[in-house]
Amino acid sequence: MKFAKNNMNLDWKLEIKDATGADAPKSEMNEIYSYVQPINDEWIYACGYKWEDPVVETYRKAALMKLSTDGQI
């Protein structure tokens, strides 16, 4: 989620789903640790992790995502 700095209203939020439309924890990225949107760029770049078993959280893989401001991943 991204909030406006001046009034803390929600600017946008992201729900990660896999190619079949299943919600997390079945998605390719379960946790987002950092993101950046370069100046004058339509893309948001995020890095995080995918848990092999999100219920147990015993093993995870690094994951990257590129998201356009119109929702294309």
PDB file of N, CA and C in Angstrom:
ATOM      1  N   MET A   1       0.833  -1.169   0.000  1.00  0.00           N
ATOM      2  CA  MET A   1       0.000   0.000   0.000  1.00  0.00           C
ATOM      3  C   MET A   1       0.883   1.240   0.000  1.00  0.00           C
ATOM      4  N   LYS A   2       0.403   2.282  -0.671  1.00  0.00           N
ATOM      5  CA  LYS A   2       1.131   3.546  -0.665  1.00  0.00           C
ATOM      6  C   LYS A   2       0.178   4.624  -0.180  1.00  0.00           C
ATOM      7  N   PHE A   3       0.647   5.407   0.774  1.00  0.00           N
ATOM      8  CA  PHE A   3      -0.164   6.463   1.351  1.00  0.00           C
ATOM      9  C   PHE A   3       0.400   7.824   0.974  1.00  0.00           C
ATOM     10  N   ALA A   4      -0.483   8.799   0.809  1.00  0.00           N
ATOM     11  CA  ALA A   4      -0.058  10.173   0.537  1.00  0.00           C
ATOM     12  C   ALA A   4       0.623  10.731   1.781  1.00  0.00           C
ATOM     13  N   LYS A   5       1.736  11.415   1.592  1.00  0.00           N
ATOM     14  CA  LYS A   5       2.488  11.932   2.730  1.00  0.00           C
ATOM     15  C   LYS A   5       1.801  13.111   3.416  1.00  0.00           C
ATOM     16  N   ASN A   6       1.006  13.879   2.672  1.00  0.00           N
ATOM     17  CA  ASN A   6       0.407  15.072   3.268  1.00  0.00           C
ATOM     18  C   ASN A   6      -0.853  14.786   4.076  1.00  0.00           C
ATOM     19  N   ASN A   7      -1.639  13.752   3.716  1.00  0.00           N
ATOM     20  CA  ASN A   7      -2.881  13.494   4.454  1.00  0.00           C
ATOM     21  C   ASN A   7      -3.092  12.020   4.813  1.00  0.00           C
ATOM     22  N   MET A   8      -2.151  11.163   4.465  1.00  0.00           N
ATOM     23  CA  MET A   8      -2.186   9.727   4.758  1.00  0.00           C
ATOM     24  C   MET A   8      -3.352   8.990   4.104  1.00  0.00           C
ATOM     25  N   ASN A   9      -3.965   9.579   3.054  1.00  0.00           N
ATOM     26  CA  ASN A   9      -4.970   8.852   2.288  1.00  0.00           C
ATOM     27  C   ASN A   9      -4.277   7.786   1.453  1.00  0.00           C
ATOM     28  N   LEU A  10      -4.986   6.729   1.167  1.00  0.00           N
ATOM     29  CA  LEU A  10      -4.434   5.637   0.370  1.00  0.00           C
ATOM     30  C   LEU A  10      -4.313   6.064  -1.084  1.00  0.00           C
ATOM     31  N   ASP A  11      -3.096   6.061  -1.641  1.00  0.00           N
ATOM     32  CA  ASP A  11      -2.881   6.369  -3.059  1.00  0.00           C
ATOM     33  C   ASP A  11      -3.184   5.149  -3.909  1.00  0.00           C
ATOM     34  N   TRP A  12      -2.630   4.013  -3.538  1.00  0.00           N
ATOM     35  CA  TRP A  12      -2.885   2.759  -4.250  1.00  0.00           C
ATOM     36  C   TRP A  12      -2.560   1.598  -3.339  1.00  0.00           C
ATOM     37  N   LYS A  13      -3.104   0.438  -3.665  1.00  0.00           N
ATOM     38  CA  LYS A  13      -2.763  -0.785  -2.951  1.00  0.00           C
ATOM     39  C   LYS A  13      -2.640  -1.904  -3.960  1.00  0.00           C
ATOM     40  N   LEU A  14      -1.911  -2.921  -3.588  1.00  0.00           N
ATOM     41  CA  LEU A  14      -1.608  -4.026  -4.479  1.00  0.00           C
ATOM     42  C   LEU A  14      -1.959  -5.334  -3.791  1.00  0.00           C
ATOM     43  N   GLU A  15      -2.731  -6.162  -4.480  1.00  0.00           N
ATOM     44  CA  GLU A  15      -2.994  -7.508  -4.005  1.00  0.00           C
ATOM     45  C   GLU A  15      -2.334  -8.451  -4.983  1.00  0.00           C
ATOM     46  N   ILE A  16      -1.450  -9.289  -4.501  1.00  0.00           N
ATOM     47  CA  ILE A  16      -0.695 -10.175  -5.368  1.00  0.00           C
ATOM     48  C   ILE A  16      -1.482 -11.450  -5.605  1.00  0.00           C
ATOM     49  N   LYS A  17      -1.649 -11.805  -6.885  1.00  0.00           N
ATOM     50  CA  LYS A  17      -2.329 -13.041  -7.262  1.00  0.00           C
ATOM     51  C   LYS A  17      -1.461 -13.774  -8.270  1.00  0.00           C
ATOM     52  N   ASP A  18      -1.611 -15.096  -8.348  1.00  0.00           N
ATOM     53  CA  ASP A  18      -0.839 -15.840  -9.340  1.00  0.00           C
ATOM     54  C   ASP A  18      -1.596 -15.859 -10.675  1.00  0.00           C
ATOM     55  N   ALA A  19      -1.038 -16.536 -11.660  1.00  0.00           N
ATOM     56  CA  ALA A  19      -1.609 -16.542 -13.012  1.00  0.00           C
ATOM     57  C   ALA A  19      -3.013 -17.133 -13.052  1.00  0.00           C
ATOM     58  N   THR A  20      -3.359 -17.977 -12.101  1.00  0.00           N
ATOM     59  CA  THR A  20      -4.699 -18.565 -12.071  1.00  0.00           C
ATOM     60  C   THR A  20      -5.699 -17.667 -11.365  1.00  0.00           C
ATOM     61  N   GLY A  21      -5.240 -16.570 -10.777  1.00  0.00           N
ATOM     62  CA  GLY A  21      -6.112 -15.666 -10.050  1.00  0.00           C
ATOM     63  C   GLY A  21      -6.215 -15.980  -8.573  1.00  0.00           C
ATOM     64  N   ALA A  22      -5.474 -16.994  -8.107  1.00  0.00           N
ATOM     65  CA  ALA A  22      -5.514 -17.363  -6.691  1.00  0.00           C
ATOM     66  C   ALA A  22      -4.856 -16.274  -5.844  1.00  0.00           C
ATOM     67  N   ASP A  23      -5.419 -16.010  -4.688  1.00  0.00           N
ATOM     68  CA  ASP A  23      -4.856 -15.016  -3.775  1.00  0.00           C
ATOM     69  C   ASP A  23      -3.605 -15.553  -3.103  1.00  0.00           C
ATOM     70  N   ALA A  24      -2.799 -14.652  -2.564  1.00  0.00           N
ATOM     71  CA  ALA A  24      -1.697 -15.068  -1.712  1.00  0.00           C
ATOM     72  C   ALA A  24      -2.301 -15.872  -0.575  1.00  0.00           C
ATOM     73  N   PRO A  25      -1.718 -16.929  -0.080  1.00  0.00           N
ATOM     74  CA  PRO A  25      -0.299 -17.265  -0.160  1.00  0.00           C
ATOM     75  C   PRO A  25       0.112 -18.112  -1.359  1.00  0.00           C
ATOM     76  N   LYS A  26      -0.735 -18.286  -2.367  1.00  0.00           N
ATOM     77  CA  LYS A  26      -0.386 -19.114  -3.512  1.00  0.00           C
ATOM     78  C   LYS A  26       0.276 -18.298  -4.612  1.00  0.00           C
ATOM     79  N   SER A  27       0.574 -17.047  -4.366  1.00  0.00           N
ATOM     80  CA  SER A  27       1.123 -16.183  -5.396  1.00  0.00           C
ATOM     81  C   SER A  27       2.642 -16.344  -5.515  1.00  0.00           C
ATOM     82  N   GLU A  28       3.196 -15.672  -6.488  1.00  0.00           N
ATOM     83  CA  GLU A  28       4.640 -15.719  -6.731  1.00  0.00           C
ATOM     84  C   GLU A  28       5.415 -14.767  -5.826  1.00  0.00           C
ATOM     85  N   MET A  29       4.737 -13.902  -5.096  1.00  0.00           N
ATOM     86  CA  MET A  29       5.394 -13.014  -4.135  1.00  0.00           C
ATOM     87  C   MET A  29       4.456 -12.828  -2.958  1.00  0.00           C
ATOM     88  N   ASN A  30       4.903 -13.210  -1.759  1.00  0.00           N
ATOM     89  CA  ASN A  30       4.075 -13.086  -0.562  1.00  0.00           C
ATOM     90  C   ASN A  30       4.410 -11.868   0.281  1.00  0.00           C
ATOM     91  N   GLU A  31       5.651 -11.437   0.249  1.00  0.00           N
ATOM     92  CA  GLU A  31       6.076 -10.312   1.081  1.00  0.00           C
ATOM     93  C   GLU A  31       6.853  -9.319   0.235  1.00  0.00           C
ATOM     94  N   ILE A  32       6.479  -8.059   0.302  1.00  0.00           N
ATOM     95  CA  ILE A  32       7.214  -6.999  -0.378  1.00  0.00           C
ATOM     96  C   ILE A  32       8.030  -6.266   0.676  1.00  0.00           C
ATOM     97  N   TYR A  33       9.342  -6.232   0.502  1.00  0.00           N
ATOM     98  CA  TYR A  33      10.216  -5.576   1.459  1.00  0.00           C
ATOM     99  C   TYR A  33      10.607  -4.168   1.027  1.00  0.00           C
ATOM    100  N   SER A  34      10.623  -3.934  -0.269  1.00  0.00           N
ATOM    101  CA  SER A  34      11.014  -2.624  -0.743  1.00  0.00           C
ATOM    102  C   SER A  34      10.461  -2.407  -2.138  1.00  0.00           C
ATOM    103  N   TYR A  35      10.217  -1.155  -2.473  1.00  0.00           N
ATOM    104  CA  TYR A  35       9.805  -0.828  -3.834  1.00  0.00           C
ATOM    105  C   TYR A  35      10.327   0.555  -4.175  1.00  0.00           C
ATOM    106  N   VAL A  36      10.400   0.843  -5.467  1.00  0.00           N
ATOM    107  CA  VAL A  36      10.838   2.147  -5.933  1.00  0.00           C
ATOM    108  C   VAL A  36      10.104   2.455  -7.235  1.00  0.00           C
ATOM    109  N   GLN A  37       9.772   3.715  -7.430  1.00  0.00           N
ATOM    110  CA  GLN A  37       9.233   4.178  -8.706  1.00  0.00           C
ATOM    111  C   GLN A  37      10.105   5.340  -9.142  1.00  0.00           C
ATOM    112  N   PRO A  38      10.988   5.095 -10.127  1.00  0.00           N
ATOM    113  CA  PRO A  38      11.871   6.158 -10.589  1.00  0.00           C
ATOM    114  C   PRO A  38      11.080   7.371 -11.097  1.00  0.00           C
ATOM    115  N   ILE A  39      11.650   8.541 -10.977  1.00  0.00           N
ATOM    116  CA  ILE A  39      11.014   9.777 -11.435  1.00  0.00           C
ATOM    117  C   ILE A  39      10.708   9.668 -12.920  1.00  0.00           C
ATOM    118  N   ASN A  40       9.504  10.103 -13.300  1.00  0.00           N
ATOM    119  CA  ASN A  40       9.022  10.090 -14.687  1.00  0.00           C
ATOM    120  C   ASN A  40       9.004   8.690 -15.297  1.00  0.00           C
ATOM    121  N   ASP A  41       8.759   7.681 -14.490  1.00  0.00           N
ATOM    122  CA  ASP A  41       8.699   6.299 -14.951  1.00  0.00           C
ATOM    123  C   ASP A  41       7.316   5.746 -14.636  1.00  0.00           C
ATOM    124  N   GLU A  42       6.740   4.969 -15.551  1.00  0.00           N
ATOM    125  CA  GLU A  42       5.418   4.380 -15.343  1.00  0.00           C
ATOM    126  C   GLU A  42       5.478   3.102 -14.527  1.00  0.00           C
ATOM    127  N   TRP A  43       6.646   2.619 -14.221  1.00  0.00           N
ATOM    128  CA  TRP A  43       6.795   1.315 -13.571  1.00  0.00           C
ATOM    129  C   TRP A  43       7.209   1.442 -12.119  1.00  0.00           C
ATOM    130  N   ILE A  44       6.667   0.541 -11.294  1.00  0.00           N
ATOM    131  CA  ILE A  44       7.055   0.395  -9.901  1.00  0.00           C
ATOM    132  C   ILE A  44       7.816  -0.929  -9.813  1.00  0.00           C
ATOM    133  N   TYR A  45       8.978  -0.920  -9.209  1.00  0.00           N
ATOM    134  CA  TYR A  45       9.804  -2.120  -9.068  1.00  0.00           C
ATOM    135  C   TYR A  45       9.791  -2.545  -7.602  1.00  0.00           C
ATOM    136  N   ALA A  46       9.455  -3.805  -7.345  1.00  0.00           N
ATOM    137  CA  ALA A  46       9.370  -4.299  -5.966  1.00  0.00           C
ATOM    138  C   ALA A  46      10.242  -5.534  -5.798  1.00  0.00           C
ATOM    139  N   CYS A  47      10.777  -5.702  -4.601  1.00  0.00           N
ATOM    140  CA  CYS A  47      11.511  -6.920  -4.270  1.00  0.00           C
ATOM    141  C   CYS A  47      10.971  -7.466  -2.959  1.00  0.00           C
ATOM    142  N   GLY A  48      11.006  -8.772  -2.848  1.00  0.00           N
ATOM    143  CA  GLY A  48      10.482  -9.414  -1.648  1.00  0.00           C
ATOM    144  C   GLY A  48      10.739 -10.902  -1.683  1.00  0.00           C
ATOM    145  N   TYR A  49       9.815 -11.675  -1.104  1.00  0.00           N
ATOM    146  CA  TYR A  49       9.996 -13.115  -0.981  1.00  0.00           C
ATOM    147  C   TYR A  49       8.718 -13.874  -1.295  1.00  0.00           C
ATOM    148  N   LYS A  50       8.917 -15.120  -1.700  1.00  0.00           N
ATOM    149  CA  LYS A  50       7.825 -16.074  -1.861  1.00  0.00           C
ATOM    150  C   LYS A  50       8.099 -17.218  -0.892  1.00  0.00           C
ATOM    151  N   TRP A  51       7.146 -17.504  -0.003  1.00  0.00           N
ATOM    152  CA  TRP A  51       7.279 -18.639   0.910  1.00  0.00           C
ATOM    153  C   TRP A  51       6.878 -19.905   0.191  1.00  0.00           C
ATOM    154  N   GLU A  52       7.661 -20.963   0.343  1.00  0.00           N
ATOM    155  CA  GLU A  52       7.277 -22.261  -0.219  1.00  0.00           C
ATOM    156  C   GLU A  52       6.010 -22.761   0.455  1.00  0.00           C
ATOM    157  N   ASP A  53       5.912 -22.574   1.776  1.00  0.00           N
ATOM    158  CA  ASP A  53       4.708 -22.898   2.531  1.00  0.00           C
ATOM    159  C   ASP A  53       4.425 -21.709   3.443  1.00  0.00           C
ATOM    160  N   PRO A  54       3.564 -20.777   3.017  1.00  0.00           N
ATOM    161  CA  PRO A  54       3.334 -19.548   3.781  1.00  0.00           C
ATOM    162  C   PRO A  54       2.784 -19.778   5.188  1.00  0.00           C
ATOM    163  N   VAL A  55       2.151 -20.905   5.427  1.00  0.00           N
ATOM    164  CA  VAL A  55       1.612 -21.189   6.754  1.00  0.00           C
ATOM    165  C   VAL A  55       2.743 -21.473   7.736  1.00  0.00           C
ATOM    166  N   VAL A  56       3.763 -22.211   7.291  1.00  0.00           N
ATOM    167  CA  VAL A  56       4.883 -22.598   8.152  1.00  0.00           C
ATOM    168  C   VAL A  56       5.997 -21.555   8.119  1.00  0.00           C
ATOM    169  N   GLU A  57       6.188 -20.895   6.968  1.00  0.00           N
ATOM    170  CA  GLU A  57       7.236 -19.893   6.777  1.00  0.00           C
ATOM    171  C   GLU A  57       8.615 -20.436   7.132  1.00  0.00           C
ATOM    172  N   THR A  58       8.959 -21.600   6.556  1.00  0.00           N
ATOM    173  CA  THR A  58      10.252 -22.201   6.857  1.00  0.00           C
ATOM    174  C   THR A  58      11.275 -22.024   5.743  1.00  0.00           C
ATOM    175  N   TYR A  59      10.847 -21.806   4.522  1.00  0.00           N
ATOM    176  CA  TYR A  59      11.779 -21.662   3.409  1.00  0.00           C
ATOM    177  C   TYR A  59      11.204 -20.657   2.432  1.00  0.00           C
ATOM    178  N   ARG A  60      12.022 -19.736   1.946  1.00  0.00           N
ATOM    179  CA  ARG A  60      11.532 -18.733   1.008  1.00  0.00           C
ATOM    180  C   ARG A  60      12.541 -18.470  -0.087  1.00  0.00           C
ATOM    181  N   LYS A  61      12.044 -17.935  -1.194  1.00  0.00           N
ATOM    182  CA  LYS A  61      12.869 -17.562  -2.337  1.00  0.00           C
ATOM    183  C   LYS A  61      12.720 -16.063  -2.579  1.00  0.00           C
ATOM    184  N   ALA A  62      13.785 -15.444  -3.068  1.00  0.00           N
ATOM    185  CA  ALA A  62      13.709 -14.031  -3.428  1.00  0.00           C
ATOM    186  C   ALA A  62      12.809 -13.875  -4.652  1.00  0.00           C
ATOM    187  N   ALA A  63      12.087 -12.766  -4.709  1.00  0.00           N
ATOM    188  CA  ALA A  63      11.176 -12.513  -5.825  1.00  0.00           C
ATOM    189  C   ALA A  63      11.254 -11.043  -6.212  1.00  0.00           C
ATOM    190  N   LEU A  64      11.107 -10.785  -7.508  1.00  0.00           N
ATOM    191  CA  LEU A  64      11.097  -9.425  -8.042  1.00  0.00           C
ATOM    192  C   LEU A  64       9.810  -9.219  -8.822  1.00  0.00           C
ATOM    193  N   MET A  65       9.339  -7.967  -8.872  1.00  0.00           N
ATOM    194  CA  MET A  65       8.127  -7.669  -9.609  1.00  0.00           C
ATOM    195  C   MET A  65       8.250  -6.293 -10.245  1.00  0.00           C
ATOM    196  N   LYS A  66       7.711  -6.163 -11.437  1.00  0.00           N
ATOM    197  CA  LYS A  66       7.654  -4.890 -12.139  1.00  0.00           C
ATOM    198  C   LYS A  66       6.174  -4.626 -12.416  1.00  0.00           C
ATOM    199  N   LEU A  67       5.635  -3.515 -11.919  1.00  0.00           N
ATOM    200  CA  LEU A  67       4.217  -3.203 -12.010  1.00  0.00           C
ATOM    201  C   LEU A  67       4.040  -1.813 -12.618  1.00  0.00           C
ATOM    202  N   SER A  68       3.221  -1.723 -13.658  1.00  0.00           N
ATOM    203  CA  SER A  68       2.951  -0.408 -14.256  1.00  0.00           C
ATOM    204  C   SER A  68       1.897   0.306 -13.424  1.00  0.00           C
ATOM    205  N   THR A  69       1.818   1.620 -13.556  1.00  0.00           N
ATOM    206  CA  THR A  69       0.850   2.384 -12.792  1.00  0.00           C
ATOM    207  C   THR A  69      -0.586   2.084 -13.228  1.00  0.00           C
ATOM    208  N   ASP A  70      -0.783   1.422 -14.363  1.00  0.00           N
ATOM    209  CA  ASP A  70      -2.134   1.025 -14.761  1.00  0.00           C
ATOM    210  C   ASP A  70      -2.445  -0.416 -14.375  1.00  0.00           C
ATOM    211  N   GLY A  71      -1.558  -1.067 -13.619  1.00  0.00           N
ATOM    212  CA  GLY A  71      -1.827  -2.396 -13.071  1.00  0.00           C
ATOM    213  C   GLY A  71      -1.240  -3.562 -13.832  1.00  0.00           C
ATOM    214  N   GLN A  72      -0.528  -3.313 -14.906  1.00  0.00           N
ATOM    215  CA  GLN A  72       0.096  -4.404 -15.670  1.00  0.00           C
ATOM    216  C   GLN A  72       1.327  -4.902 -14.933  1.00  0.00           C
ATOM    217  N   ILE A  73       1.437  -6.247 -14.783  1.00  0.00           N
ATOM    218  CA  ILE A  73       2.601  -6.826 -14.090  1.00  0.00           C
ATOM    219  C   ILE A  73       3.491  -7.530 -15.087  1.00  0.00           C
TER     220      ILE A  73
END
